[in-house]
Each structure stands twice: as C-alpha cells, then as structure tokens.
N, C-alpha and C. Protein backbone atom coordinates (compact mmCIF):
# COMPACT_ATOMS: atom_id res chain seq x y z
N MET A 1 122.89 89.25 226.56
CA MET A 1 123.25 90.32 227.49
C MET A 1 122.06 90.63 228.40
N ASP A 2 122.27 90.59 229.71
CA ASP A 2 121.16 90.87 230.62
C ASP A 2 121.05 92.37 230.85
N ILE A 3 120.03 92.76 231.59
CA ILE A 3 119.74 94.17 231.77
C ILE A 3 120.86 94.90 232.48
N ALA A 4 121.55 94.23 233.41
CA ALA A 4 122.66 94.86 234.13
C ALA A 4 123.81 95.19 233.18
N GLN A 5 124.09 94.27 232.25
CA GLN A 5 125.16 94.50 231.28
C GLN A 5 124.79 95.62 230.31
N ILE A 6 123.51 95.69 229.92
CA ILE A 6 123.05 96.75 229.04
C ILE A 6 123.22 98.11 229.71
N ILE A 7 122.82 98.18 230.98
CA ILE A 7 122.95 99.44 231.73
C ILE A 7 124.41 99.83 231.87
N GLN A 8 125.27 98.84 232.12
CA GLN A 8 126.70 99.12 232.25
C GLN A 8 127.28 99.65 230.94
N LEU A 9 126.91 99.00 229.83
CA LEU A 9 127.40 99.44 228.52
C LEU A 9 126.92 100.85 228.21
N LEU A 10 125.65 101.12 228.50
CA LEU A 10 125.11 102.46 228.27
C LEU A 10 125.84 103.50 229.11
N ALA A 11 126.11 103.16 230.37
CA ALA A 11 126.77 104.11 231.27
C ALA A 11 128.19 104.42 230.80
N LEU A 12 128.89 103.41 230.31
CA LEU A 12 130.29 103.60 229.92
C LEU A 12 130.44 104.20 228.52
N ALA A 13 129.55 103.84 227.60
CA ALA A 13 129.73 104.22 226.20
C ALA A 13 128.94 105.45 225.78
N THR A 14 127.83 105.74 226.45
CA THR A 14 127.00 106.88 226.03
C THR A 14 127.74 108.21 226.05
N PRO A 15 128.57 108.50 227.08
CA PRO A 15 129.32 109.77 227.04
C PRO A 15 130.19 109.89 225.79
N GLY A 16 130.86 108.80 225.39
CA GLY A 16 131.68 108.83 224.19
C GLY A 16 130.86 109.11 222.95
N PHE A 17 129.67 108.50 222.87
CA PHE A 17 128.78 108.71 221.73
C PHE A 17 128.32 110.16 221.66
N LEU A 18 127.91 110.72 222.79
CA LEU A 18 127.41 112.09 222.80
C LEU A 18 128.53 113.10 222.52
N ILE A 19 129.72 112.83 223.04
CA ILE A 19 130.86 113.71 222.77
C ILE A 19 131.19 113.69 221.28
N ALA A 20 131.19 112.50 220.67
CA ALA A 20 131.47 112.39 219.24
C ALA A 20 130.41 113.12 218.42
N LEU A 21 129.16 112.95 218.79
CA LEU A 21 128.05 113.57 218.08
C LEU A 21 128.13 115.09 218.17
N CYS A 22 128.29 115.59 219.40
CA CYS A 22 128.32 117.04 219.60
C CYS A 22 129.57 117.66 218.97
N GLY A 23 130.71 116.98 219.10
CA GLY A 23 131.94 117.50 218.53
C GLY A 23 131.86 117.65 217.03
N ARG A 24 131.22 116.69 216.38
CA ARG A 24 131.06 116.72 214.93
C ARG A 24 130.27 117.93 214.48
N TYR A 25 129.09 118.15 215.07
CA TYR A 25 128.23 119.25 214.62
C TYR A 25 128.73 120.61 215.10
N ALA A 26 129.29 120.67 216.30
CA ALA A 26 129.84 121.93 216.79
C ALA A 26 131.01 122.37 215.91
N GLY A 27 131.85 121.42 215.52
CA GLY A 27 132.96 121.73 214.63
C GLY A 27 132.49 122.24 213.28
N GLN A 28 131.47 121.62 212.73
CA GLN A 28 130.95 122.06 211.44
C GLN A 28 130.31 123.44 211.54
N ALA A 29 129.59 123.70 212.64
CA ALA A 29 128.98 125.02 212.82
C ALA A 29 130.05 126.10 212.91
N TYR A 30 131.14 125.79 213.61
CA TYR A 30 132.23 126.76 213.76
C TYR A 30 132.90 127.06 212.42
N VAL A 31 133.24 126.02 211.67
CA VAL A 31 133.94 126.22 210.39
C VAL A 31 133.03 126.90 209.38
N SER A 32 131.74 126.54 209.40
CA SER A 32 130.80 127.21 208.49
C SER A 32 130.76 128.70 208.76
N SER A 33 130.81 129.09 210.04
CA SER A 33 130.81 130.51 210.37
C SER A 33 132.11 131.19 209.93
N LEU A 34 133.21 130.45 209.96
CA LEU A 34 134.49 131.02 209.51
C LEU A 34 134.45 131.39 208.03
N PHE A 35 133.67 130.65 207.25
CA PHE A 35 133.58 130.91 205.82
C PHE A 35 132.43 131.86 205.47
N GLY A 36 131.78 132.43 206.49
CA GLY A 36 130.82 133.48 206.22
C GLY A 36 129.37 133.18 206.49
N ASP A 37 129.04 131.93 206.79
CA ASP A 37 127.63 131.59 207.07
C ASP A 37 127.48 131.26 208.55
N ASP A 38 126.84 132.14 209.28
CA ASP A 38 126.67 131.92 210.72
C ASP A 38 125.31 131.33 211.07
N THR A 39 124.63 130.72 210.08
CA THR A 39 123.30 130.15 210.32
C THR A 39 123.33 129.15 211.47
N ALA A 40 124.24 128.17 211.39
CA ALA A 40 124.31 127.14 212.43
C ALA A 40 124.69 127.72 213.78
N ARG A 41 125.59 128.70 213.78
CA ARG A 41 126.00 129.31 215.06
C ARG A 41 124.82 130.03 215.70
N ARG A 42 124.05 130.77 214.89
CA ARG A 42 122.89 131.49 215.42
C ARG A 42 121.81 130.54 215.93
N GLU A 43 121.77 129.34 215.38
CA GLU A 43 120.79 128.35 215.82
C GLU A 43 121.28 127.53 217.00
N GLY A 44 122.41 127.90 217.56
CA GLY A 44 122.91 127.24 218.77
C GLY A 44 123.62 125.92 218.53
N ARG A 45 124.09 125.69 217.30
CA ARG A 45 124.70 124.40 216.98
C ARG A 45 126.19 124.35 217.33
N MET A 46 126.79 125.48 217.67
CA MET A 46 128.19 125.48 218.09
C MET A 46 128.24 125.17 219.58
N SER A 47 127.77 123.98 219.93
CA SER A 47 127.56 123.65 221.34
C SER A 47 127.83 122.17 221.59
N PHE A 48 128.26 121.87 222.83
CA PHE A 48 128.42 120.48 223.26
C PHE A 48 127.21 120.03 224.09
N ASN A 49 126.13 120.77 224.00
CA ASN A 49 124.88 120.35 224.62
C ASN A 49 124.17 119.38 223.68
N PRO A 50 124.00 118.11 224.06
CA PRO A 50 123.39 117.12 223.15
C PRO A 50 122.01 117.54 222.65
N MET A 51 121.27 118.29 223.44
CA MET A 51 119.92 118.69 223.02
C MET A 51 119.96 119.67 221.85
N SER A 52 121.10 120.31 221.63
CA SER A 52 121.23 121.21 220.48
C SER A 52 121.28 120.45 219.17
N HIS A 53 121.60 119.16 219.23
CA HIS A 53 121.77 118.36 218.02
C HIS A 53 120.83 117.15 218.00
N PHE A 54 119.91 117.09 218.94
CA PHE A 54 119.11 115.89 219.18
C PHE A 54 118.19 115.56 218.01
N ASP A 55 118.23 114.28 217.61
CA ASP A 55 117.28 113.72 216.64
C ASP A 55 116.70 112.46 217.29
N LEU A 56 115.38 112.37 217.34
CA LEU A 56 114.74 111.29 218.08
C LEU A 56 115.22 109.92 217.61
N MET A 57 115.22 109.71 216.31
CA MET A 57 115.64 108.40 215.79
C MET A 57 117.14 108.22 215.91
N GLY A 58 117.91 109.21 215.45
CA GLY A 58 119.35 109.04 215.35
C GLY A 58 120.11 109.15 216.65
N THR A 59 119.57 109.91 217.61
CA THR A 59 120.28 110.14 218.86
C THR A 59 119.76 109.29 220.01
N LEU A 60 118.56 108.74 219.86
CA LEU A 60 117.98 107.96 220.95
C LEU A 60 117.60 106.55 220.53
N ILE A 61 116.66 106.42 219.60
CA ILE A 61 116.10 105.10 219.28
C ILE A 61 117.13 104.19 218.63
N PHE A 62 117.79 104.66 217.57
CA PHE A 62 118.76 103.83 216.84
C PHE A 62 119.95 103.43 217.72
N PRO A 63 120.59 104.37 218.43
CA PRO A 63 121.71 103.97 219.31
C PRO A 63 121.29 103.00 220.40
N LEU A 64 120.11 103.22 220.97
CA LEU A 64 119.63 102.32 222.02
C LEU A 64 119.39 100.93 221.46
N ALA A 65 118.85 100.84 220.25
CA ALA A 65 118.61 99.53 219.62
C ALA A 65 119.92 98.79 219.38
N ILE A 66 120.97 99.52 218.98
CA ILE A 66 122.28 98.89 218.75
C ILE A 66 122.81 98.29 220.05
N VAL A 67 122.67 99.03 221.13
CA VAL A 67 123.16 98.55 222.43
C VAL A 67 122.38 97.31 222.86
N ILE A 68 121.06 97.35 222.74
CA ILE A 68 120.21 96.27 223.25
C ILE A 68 120.31 95.02 222.39
N PHE A 69 120.22 95.18 221.07
CA PHE A 69 120.10 94.01 220.19
C PHE A 69 121.44 93.51 219.65
N PHE A 70 122.46 94.38 219.62
CA PHE A 70 123.75 93.98 219.06
C PHE A 70 124.87 94.02 220.08
N GLN A 71 124.54 94.41 221.33
CA GLN A 71 125.54 94.46 222.39
C GLN A 71 126.80 95.21 221.96
N SER A 72 126.58 96.33 221.29
CA SER A 72 127.68 97.14 220.77
C SER A 72 127.54 98.56 221.27
N ALA A 73 128.62 99.32 221.20
CA ALA A 73 128.58 100.72 221.60
C ALA A 73 127.59 101.47 220.72
N PRO A 74 126.92 102.49 221.26
CA PRO A 74 125.93 103.23 220.47
C PRO A 74 126.54 103.96 219.29
N PHE A 75 125.76 104.06 218.25
CA PHE A 75 126.16 104.78 217.04
C PHE A 75 124.91 105.42 216.45
N GLY A 76 125.04 106.61 215.90
CA GLY A 76 123.87 107.26 215.36
C GLY A 76 124.19 108.61 214.76
N TRP A 77 123.23 109.51 214.80
CA TRP A 77 123.37 110.81 214.16
C TRP A 77 122.50 111.84 214.87
N GLY A 78 122.72 113.08 214.53
CA GLY A 78 121.90 114.17 215.02
C GLY A 78 121.28 114.92 213.86
N VAL A 79 120.67 116.05 214.15
CA VAL A 79 120.11 116.89 213.10
C VAL A 79 121.25 117.57 212.35
N PRO A 80 121.35 117.42 211.03
CA PRO A 80 122.43 118.09 210.29
C PRO A 80 122.35 119.60 210.47
N ILE A 81 123.50 120.25 210.48
CA ILE A 81 123.49 121.71 210.61
C ILE A 81 122.95 122.32 209.32
N ARG A 82 122.26 123.45 209.47
CA ARG A 82 121.76 124.16 208.29
C ARG A 82 122.84 125.09 207.77
N LYS A 83 122.99 125.11 206.45
CA LYS A 83 124.00 125.96 205.80
C LYS A 83 123.34 126.76 204.68
N ASP A 84 123.78 127.98 204.50
CA ASP A 84 123.42 128.78 203.33
C ASP A 84 124.71 129.02 202.58
N VAL A 85 125.00 128.12 201.63
CA VAL A 85 126.31 128.15 200.95
C VAL A 85 126.49 129.42 200.13
N ARG A 86 125.38 130.13 199.83
CA ARG A 86 125.49 131.38 199.07
C ARG A 86 126.22 132.46 199.87
N ARG A 87 126.27 132.29 201.19
CA ARG A 87 126.91 133.27 202.05
C ARG A 87 128.40 133.00 202.23
N TYR A 88 128.89 131.87 201.75
CA TYR A 88 130.31 131.56 201.90
C TYR A 88 131.16 132.54 201.08
N THR A 89 132.25 132.99 201.66
CA THR A 89 133.17 133.86 200.94
C THR A 89 133.82 133.12 199.78
N ASN A 90 134.01 131.83 199.95
CA ASN A 90 134.49 130.96 198.87
C ASN A 90 133.64 129.70 198.95
N MET A 91 132.70 129.53 198.00
CA MET A 91 131.71 128.49 198.13
C MET A 91 132.31 127.09 198.16
N LYS A 92 133.21 126.78 197.23
CA LYS A 92 133.77 125.43 197.16
C LYS A 92 134.58 125.11 198.42
N LYS A 93 135.42 126.05 198.84
CA LYS A 93 136.21 125.82 200.06
C LYS A 93 135.30 125.72 201.28
N GLY A 94 134.27 126.55 201.31
CA GLY A 94 133.35 126.52 202.44
C GLY A 94 132.63 125.19 202.56
N ILE A 95 132.14 124.68 201.43
CA ILE A 95 131.46 123.38 201.43
C ILE A 95 132.41 122.28 201.85
N PHE A 96 133.61 122.28 201.25
CA PHE A 96 134.58 121.22 201.53
C PHE A 96 135.00 121.21 202.99
N TRP A 97 135.45 122.36 203.50
CA TRP A 97 136.00 122.39 204.84
C TRP A 97 134.94 122.28 205.93
N THR A 98 133.74 122.75 205.66
CA THR A 98 132.66 122.56 206.63
C THR A 98 132.35 121.08 206.77
N ALA A 99 132.30 120.36 205.64
CA ALA A 99 132.06 118.91 205.69
C ALA A 99 133.22 118.20 206.36
N PHE A 100 134.45 118.55 205.96
CA PHE A 100 135.63 117.86 206.47
C PHE A 100 135.85 118.13 207.96
N SER A 101 135.34 119.26 208.44
CA SER A 101 135.55 119.60 209.84
C SER A 101 134.85 118.64 210.79
N GLY A 102 133.80 117.93 210.32
CA GLY A 102 133.15 116.93 211.16
C GLY A 102 134.10 115.80 211.53
N PRO A 103 134.64 115.08 210.52
CA PRO A 103 135.64 114.05 210.83
C PRO A 103 136.88 114.59 211.53
N LEU A 104 137.33 115.79 211.14
CA LEU A 104 138.52 116.35 211.80
C LEU A 104 138.25 116.62 213.28
N SER A 105 137.05 117.08 213.60
CA SER A 105 136.70 117.31 215.01
C SER A 105 136.71 116.01 215.79
N ASN A 106 136.18 114.95 215.19
CA ASN A 106 136.19 113.65 215.85
C ASN A 106 137.61 113.14 216.05
N LEU A 107 138.48 113.35 215.08
CA LEU A 107 139.87 112.91 215.22
C LEU A 107 140.58 113.72 216.31
N ALA A 108 140.30 115.02 216.39
CA ALA A 108 140.91 115.85 217.43
C ALA A 108 140.48 115.38 218.82
N ILE A 109 139.19 115.09 218.97
CA ILE A 109 138.68 114.57 220.25
C ILE A 109 139.32 113.24 220.56
N MET A 110 139.46 112.40 219.53
CA MET A 110 140.06 111.08 219.73
C MET A 110 141.49 111.18 220.26
N PHE A 111 142.30 112.07 219.68
CA PHE A 111 143.68 112.23 220.14
C PHE A 111 143.73 112.81 221.56
N LEU A 112 142.86 113.76 221.85
CA LEU A 112 142.81 114.31 223.20
C LEU A 112 142.42 113.24 224.21
N ALA A 113 141.40 112.45 223.88
CA ALA A 113 140.96 111.38 224.78
C ALA A 113 142.05 110.32 224.96
N THR A 114 142.79 110.04 223.90
CA THR A 114 143.89 109.08 224.00
C THR A 114 144.95 109.57 224.98
N PHE A 115 145.26 110.86 224.92
CA PHE A 115 146.24 111.44 225.84
C PHE A 115 145.73 111.37 227.29
N ILE A 116 144.45 111.69 227.48
CA ILE A 116 143.87 111.63 228.82
C ILE A 116 143.88 110.19 229.35
N PHE A 117 143.55 109.24 228.47
CA PHE A 117 143.59 107.83 228.86
C PHE A 117 144.98 107.46 229.35
N ALA A 118 146.00 107.85 228.58
CA ALA A 118 147.37 107.50 228.94
C ALA A 118 147.78 108.14 230.26
N CYS A 119 147.37 109.38 230.48
CA CYS A 119 147.71 110.07 231.74
C CYS A 119 147.09 109.35 232.94
N ILE A 120 145.82 108.94 232.79
CA ILE A 120 145.15 108.24 233.88
C ILE A 120 145.79 106.88 234.12
N GLU A 121 146.08 106.17 233.03
CA GLU A 121 146.67 104.84 233.14
C GLU A 121 148.04 104.89 233.82
N VAL A 122 148.83 105.90 233.48
CA VAL A 122 150.21 105.96 233.97
C VAL A 122 150.31 106.62 235.35
N PHE A 123 149.57 107.71 235.55
CA PHE A 123 149.80 108.53 236.73
C PHE A 123 148.77 108.34 237.85
N LEU A 124 147.60 107.83 237.54
CA LEU A 124 146.60 107.64 238.59
C LEU A 124 146.84 106.29 239.27
N PRO A 125 146.99 106.27 240.58
CA PRO A 125 147.30 105.00 241.26
C PRO A 125 146.16 103.99 241.12
N ASN A 126 146.54 102.72 241.09
CA ASN A 126 145.54 101.66 240.96
C ASN A 126 144.62 101.58 242.16
N SER A 127 145.03 102.20 243.25
CA SER A 127 144.19 102.19 244.45
C SER A 127 142.97 103.10 244.31
N PHE A 128 142.99 103.96 243.29
CA PHE A 128 141.85 104.84 243.07
C PHE A 128 140.64 103.99 242.67
N GLY A 129 139.55 104.14 243.37
CA GLY A 129 138.43 103.21 243.25
C GLY A 129 137.78 103.10 241.90
N PHE A 130 137.72 104.19 241.14
CA PHE A 130 136.99 104.18 239.87
C PHE A 130 137.93 104.25 238.66
N LYS A 131 139.18 103.87 238.86
CA LYS A 131 140.14 103.99 237.76
C LYS A 131 139.73 103.15 236.55
N MET A 132 139.34 101.92 236.74
CA MET A 132 139.00 101.04 235.62
C MET A 132 137.77 101.55 234.88
N GLN A 133 136.79 102.06 235.62
CA GLN A 133 135.59 102.60 234.97
C GLN A 133 135.93 103.85 234.15
N MET A 134 136.81 104.69 234.70
CA MET A 134 137.22 105.89 233.98
C MET A 134 137.96 105.51 232.70
N LEU A 135 138.86 104.53 232.79
CA LEU A 135 139.61 104.10 231.61
C LEU A 135 138.68 103.51 230.56
N SER A 136 137.70 102.71 230.98
CA SER A 136 136.75 102.13 230.03
C SER A 136 135.93 103.21 229.33
N MET A 137 135.50 104.19 230.10
CA MET A 137 134.69 105.28 229.54
C MET A 137 135.49 106.08 228.52
N ILE A 138 136.73 106.40 228.86
CA ILE A 138 137.56 107.20 227.96
C ILE A 138 137.96 106.38 226.73
N LYS A 139 138.15 105.08 226.90
CA LYS A 139 138.45 104.23 225.75
C LYS A 139 137.30 104.26 224.75
N TYR A 140 136.07 104.27 225.25
CA TYR A 140 134.92 104.39 224.35
C TYR A 140 134.93 105.73 223.62
N VAL A 141 135.35 106.80 224.31
CA VAL A 141 135.46 108.10 223.65
C VAL A 141 136.42 107.99 222.47
N VAL A 142 137.58 107.35 222.70
CA VAL A 142 138.58 107.19 221.65
C VAL A 142 138.01 106.40 220.48
N LEU A 143 137.45 105.24 220.76
CA LEU A 143 137.04 104.31 219.70
C LEU A 143 135.81 104.82 218.94
N ILE A 144 134.85 105.38 219.65
CA ILE A 144 133.65 105.88 218.96
C ILE A 144 134.00 107.07 218.07
N ASN A 145 134.88 107.94 218.54
CA ASN A 145 135.24 109.10 217.72
C ASN A 145 136.00 108.69 216.47
N ILE A 146 136.88 107.72 216.55
CA ILE A 146 137.61 107.33 215.35
C ILE A 146 136.69 106.62 214.36
N VAL A 147 135.70 105.87 214.86
CA VAL A 147 134.72 105.24 213.99
C VAL A 147 133.85 106.31 213.33
N PHE A 148 133.43 107.31 214.09
CA PHE A 148 132.65 108.43 213.53
C PHE A 148 133.42 109.08 212.39
N ALA A 149 134.70 109.37 212.62
CA ALA A 149 135.50 110.08 211.63
C ALA A 149 135.59 109.29 210.33
N VAL A 150 135.93 108.01 210.43
CA VAL A 150 136.12 107.19 209.23
C VAL A 150 134.80 106.94 208.53
N PHE A 151 133.74 106.65 209.29
CA PHE A 151 132.44 106.37 208.67
C PHE A 151 131.94 107.57 207.87
N HIS A 152 132.06 108.76 208.43
CA HIS A 152 131.52 109.94 207.75
C HIS A 152 132.37 110.38 206.56
N LEU A 153 133.53 109.80 206.39
CA LEU A 153 134.35 110.09 205.21
C LEU A 153 133.93 109.24 204.01
N ILE A 154 133.02 108.28 204.19
CA ILE A 154 132.52 107.49 203.06
C ILE A 154 131.83 108.43 202.07
N PRO A 155 132.21 108.40 200.80
CA PRO A 155 131.66 109.37 199.83
C PRO A 155 130.29 108.96 199.29
N PHE A 156 129.31 108.87 200.18
CA PHE A 156 127.94 108.57 199.76
C PHE A 156 127.01 109.53 200.49
N PRO A 157 126.15 110.25 199.73
CA PRO A 157 125.24 111.22 200.36
C PRO A 157 124.37 110.56 201.42
N PRO A 158 124.12 111.23 202.53
CA PRO A 158 124.48 112.62 202.87
C PRO A 158 125.72 112.74 203.74
N LEU A 159 126.59 111.75 203.73
CA LEU A 159 127.76 111.76 204.60
C LEU A 159 128.74 112.86 204.21
N ASP A 160 129.62 113.20 205.14
CA ASP A 160 130.56 114.30 204.90
C ASP A 160 131.45 114.04 203.69
N GLY A 161 131.83 112.78 203.50
CA GLY A 161 132.68 112.46 202.36
C GLY A 161 132.03 112.82 201.04
N ALA A 162 130.71 112.65 200.94
CA ALA A 162 130.00 113.00 199.71
C ALA A 162 129.97 114.51 199.51
N GLN A 163 129.79 115.27 200.59
CA GLN A 163 129.79 116.73 200.49
C GLN A 163 131.16 117.24 200.09
N MET A 164 132.21 116.56 200.57
CA MET A 164 133.56 116.95 200.18
C MET A 164 133.78 116.71 198.69
N VAL A 165 133.25 115.60 198.17
CA VAL A 165 133.36 115.31 196.73
C VAL A 165 132.57 116.33 195.93
N SER A 166 131.36 116.66 196.38
CA SER A 166 130.50 117.57 195.62
C SER A 166 131.11 118.96 195.49
N ALA A 167 132.00 119.32 196.42
CA ALA A 167 132.64 120.63 196.35
C ALA A 167 133.50 120.78 195.10
N PHE A 168 133.91 119.66 194.50
CA PHE A 168 134.76 119.70 193.31
C PHE A 168 133.96 119.50 192.02
N LEU A 169 132.64 119.37 192.12
CA LEU A 169 131.80 119.14 190.96
C LEU A 169 131.11 120.42 190.54
N ASN A 170 130.76 120.50 189.25
CA ASN A 170 129.95 121.64 188.84
C ASN A 170 128.50 121.42 189.27
N TYR A 171 127.66 122.41 189.01
CA TYR A 171 126.29 122.37 189.55
C TYR A 171 125.54 121.13 189.09
N GLU A 172 125.58 120.82 187.81
CA GLU A 172 124.83 119.68 187.29
C GLU A 172 125.36 118.36 187.84
N GLN A 173 126.69 118.24 187.89
CA GLN A 173 127.29 117.02 188.42
C GLN A 173 126.95 116.85 189.90
N ALA A 174 127.01 117.94 190.66
CA ALA A 174 126.71 117.87 192.09
C ALA A 174 125.24 117.48 192.30
N ARG A 175 124.34 118.05 191.49
CA ARG A 175 122.92 117.74 191.64
C ARG A 175 122.65 116.26 191.36
N LYS A 176 123.26 115.71 190.32
CA LYS A 176 123.09 114.29 190.00
C LYS A 176 123.70 113.40 191.09
N PHE A 177 124.86 113.83 191.60
CA PHE A 177 125.51 113.06 192.66
C PHE A 177 124.65 113.04 193.92
N GLU A 178 124.05 114.17 194.25
CA GLU A 178 123.23 114.25 195.45
C GLU A 178 121.94 113.45 195.32
N GLU A 179 121.53 113.12 194.08
CA GLU A 179 120.34 112.30 193.89
C GLU A 179 120.52 110.89 194.43
N LEU A 180 121.79 110.49 194.65
CA LEU A 180 122.05 109.18 195.25
C LEU A 180 121.50 109.08 196.67
N GLU A 181 121.20 110.23 197.26
CA GLU A 181 120.72 110.24 198.64
C GLU A 181 119.41 109.46 198.78
N ARG A 182 118.65 109.35 197.70
CA ARG A 182 117.40 108.58 197.77
C ARG A 182 117.66 107.10 198.04
N TYR A 183 118.90 106.66 197.79
CA TYR A 183 119.26 105.25 198.01
C TYR A 183 120.06 105.06 199.30
N THR A 184 120.08 106.09 200.15
CA THR A 184 120.88 106.03 201.37
C THR A 184 120.49 104.85 202.25
N PHE A 185 119.19 104.66 202.45
CA PHE A 185 118.74 103.57 203.31
C PHE A 185 119.20 102.21 202.78
N VAL A 186 119.06 102.02 201.46
CA VAL A 186 119.49 100.76 200.84
C VAL A 186 121.00 100.58 201.01
N PHE A 187 121.74 101.67 200.80
CA PHE A 187 123.19 101.62 200.93
C PHE A 187 123.62 101.20 202.33
N PHE A 188 122.99 101.80 203.34
CA PHE A 188 123.35 101.48 204.71
C PHE A 188 122.94 100.05 205.07
N MET A 189 121.83 99.57 204.54
CA MET A 189 121.43 98.19 204.79
C MET A 189 122.43 97.21 204.16
N LEU A 190 122.92 97.55 202.98
CA LEU A 190 123.94 96.70 202.36
C LEU A 190 125.22 96.69 203.18
N LEU A 191 125.61 97.86 203.68
CA LEU A 191 126.79 97.93 204.54
C LEU A 191 126.63 97.02 205.75
N TRP A 192 125.43 97.06 206.34
CA TRP A 192 125.18 96.34 207.58
C TRP A 192 125.10 94.83 207.34
N PHE A 193 124.26 94.42 206.38
CA PHE A 193 123.97 92.99 206.23
C PHE A 193 125.05 92.23 205.46
N THR A 194 125.88 92.93 204.70
CA THR A 194 127.01 92.25 204.06
C THR A 194 128.24 92.26 204.97
N ASN A 195 128.10 92.90 206.13
CA ASN A 195 129.18 93.04 207.11
C ASN A 195 130.35 93.85 206.57
N PHE A 196 130.10 94.61 205.48
CA PHE A 196 131.15 95.48 204.96
C PHE A 196 131.54 96.52 206.01
N PHE A 197 130.53 97.00 206.75
CA PHE A 197 130.80 97.97 207.81
C PHE A 197 131.74 97.37 208.85
N GLY A 198 131.53 96.08 209.15
CA GLY A 198 132.41 95.41 210.11
C GLY A 198 133.84 95.33 209.61
N TYR A 199 134.00 95.07 208.29
CA TYR A 199 135.33 94.99 207.71
C TYR A 199 136.04 96.35 207.77
N VAL A 200 135.27 97.43 207.69
CA VAL A 200 135.85 98.77 207.78
C VAL A 200 136.17 99.12 209.23
N VAL A 201 135.26 98.78 210.13
CA VAL A 201 135.39 99.18 211.53
C VAL A 201 136.52 98.46 212.24
N GLN A 202 136.70 97.18 211.99
CA GLN A 202 137.69 96.42 212.72
C GLN A 202 139.11 96.98 212.61
N PRO A 203 139.59 97.30 211.39
CA PRO A 203 140.92 97.93 211.32
C PRO A 203 140.96 99.29 212.01
N VAL A 204 139.85 100.03 211.94
CA VAL A 204 139.79 101.34 212.58
C VAL A 204 139.91 101.20 214.09
N LEU A 205 139.20 100.23 214.65
CA LEU A 205 139.29 99.99 216.10
C LEU A 205 140.69 99.54 216.49
N LEU A 206 141.32 98.75 215.62
CA LEU A 206 142.69 98.31 215.88
C LEU A 206 143.62 99.51 215.95
N VAL A 207 143.44 100.47 215.04
CA VAL A 207 144.26 101.69 215.06
C VAL A 207 144.04 102.44 216.37
N GLY A 208 142.78 102.51 216.81
CA GLY A 208 142.48 103.17 218.08
C GLY A 208 143.21 102.53 219.25
N HIS A 209 143.18 101.21 219.31
CA HIS A 209 143.89 100.51 220.39
C HIS A 209 145.40 100.71 220.29
N LEU A 210 145.93 100.71 219.08
CA LEU A 210 147.37 100.93 218.90
C LEU A 210 147.78 102.32 219.37
N LEU A 211 146.94 103.32 219.07
CA LEU A 211 147.25 104.69 219.52
C LEU A 211 147.22 104.78 221.05
N ILE A 212 146.26 104.12 221.66
CA ILE A 212 146.20 104.11 223.12
C ILE A 212 147.48 103.51 223.70
N ASN A 213 147.89 102.36 223.17
CA ASN A 213 149.11 101.71 223.66
C ASN A 213 150.35 102.58 223.40
N LEU A 214 150.35 103.28 222.26
CA LEU A 214 151.49 104.15 221.93
C LEU A 214 151.60 105.29 222.93
N PHE A 215 150.48 105.95 223.24
CA PHE A 215 150.50 107.08 224.17
C PHE A 215 150.89 106.60 225.58
N VAL A 216 150.36 105.44 225.98
CA VAL A 216 150.72 104.90 227.30
C VAL A 216 152.21 104.62 227.35
N GLY A 217 152.74 104.06 226.24
CA GLY A 217 154.16 103.74 226.20
C GLY A 217 155.03 105.00 226.25
N ILE A 218 154.58 106.07 225.62
CA ILE A 218 155.34 107.32 225.63
C ILE A 218 155.41 107.92 227.02
N LEU A 219 154.28 107.86 227.73
CA LEU A 219 154.23 108.48 229.06
C LEU A 219 154.78 107.60 230.16
N SER A 220 154.93 106.31 229.89
CA SER A 220 155.40 105.38 230.94
C SER A 220 156.88 105.61 231.24
C-alpha cells in the first residue's frame, strides 16, 4: 500500500473508529451515572470529543500501525472510564450494565449508521459528487462499530465481557478472575498470531454487510 492509499484509508475509516471509541466510553459514563456513580460524567467522559478518551498508544500509535502495516481499518482503545462501584445503588447491576453499555452503544451506532447508509444509497442521486466517499465512510462506521461490540464481549479481563461475568461472582471469585488481566498481552498476541481474531471478525463483518443490504432493500 502506497502513501496515497494509506491517507485515503485513514480519511475514510478514522471517523468510524473515533465514533466507535467515543460512543463506547460515553455510553458507559452515562449508564454508570444512572446507577449512582457520576465519576466518569464529572470527568467529562460523557462526550463524543475524542480528546476526552484519548490514550496515546491505544488511540493513536496502535491504530496507525494497523493501517500502515496491515492495510486494515484502525482499531484500538481509549482510557477506561473510572468507576466507584461502592456508589452504585445496586452494585452487581451497576457493574454489569455499565460494562454491557459499551457494546450496546456500539450496536446502536451501527444500526443508526446502517440506516443513514441506506438513505444515502437510495435517495441521494448518483450525480452527487461525493456520494461514493460518503458511503465508504459510513460503511466503515457500521463495520468498525460491530467489530468493537463483538470484540469487547469476549470474557477476558479487562474487556467488557469479563466485567459482565465478574458481576455474577462473589468477591473472592471476582478477584481471582481479574488476576487474568496480567496475561492480557499474551492473550491478545495469541488471538492475533493464531488468526483466531480473524475467524471471529469475518462472520461479524459479513453480518454488517448483510444488514447494510437489508436496510437498502427495505428503503428501495
């Protein structure tokens, strides 16, 4: 991939990546406040401003490396929201739904973007000069958000799926389960180099494309 293609991929896919990232943390900050802990809201995390969630490695270096070296859409992470679970009106429900709200937020964005894609595809005339670029950009929003949602449901610390599991464990069980976080780097390397992540992502991307075609078909 030459520099022009890299710039094009960054231009088309970066908005989808940032929307997925911000939607995930903003959703978690909002739900956490609903259960009684407004720590994340007070820290400005209920926001779609990327700088509110920025992590140097996860939001810049790692996604950029994926684009440059793997010619793939950016993927990464931001700073996790801070929670004081002692302030939750119902601790187990608060932990579970705050974690689950990340993937749910990504799925909500994905469905909204799918609808917008279909509206542009069906109702915007082909004579409009930037129609194809707009469709490509919105398609990345759809696909990146659905990948975010499914990936973060993996039940391995510190992903949302693991926090959802820990909500059903007692204190000792949760503490032992969270100790797996020390092996997070090894776990992610195994996912990457065994191509297990690819086996998970491909069906997810297929679902994304099917939803796009379904919405276009409904509106046509």
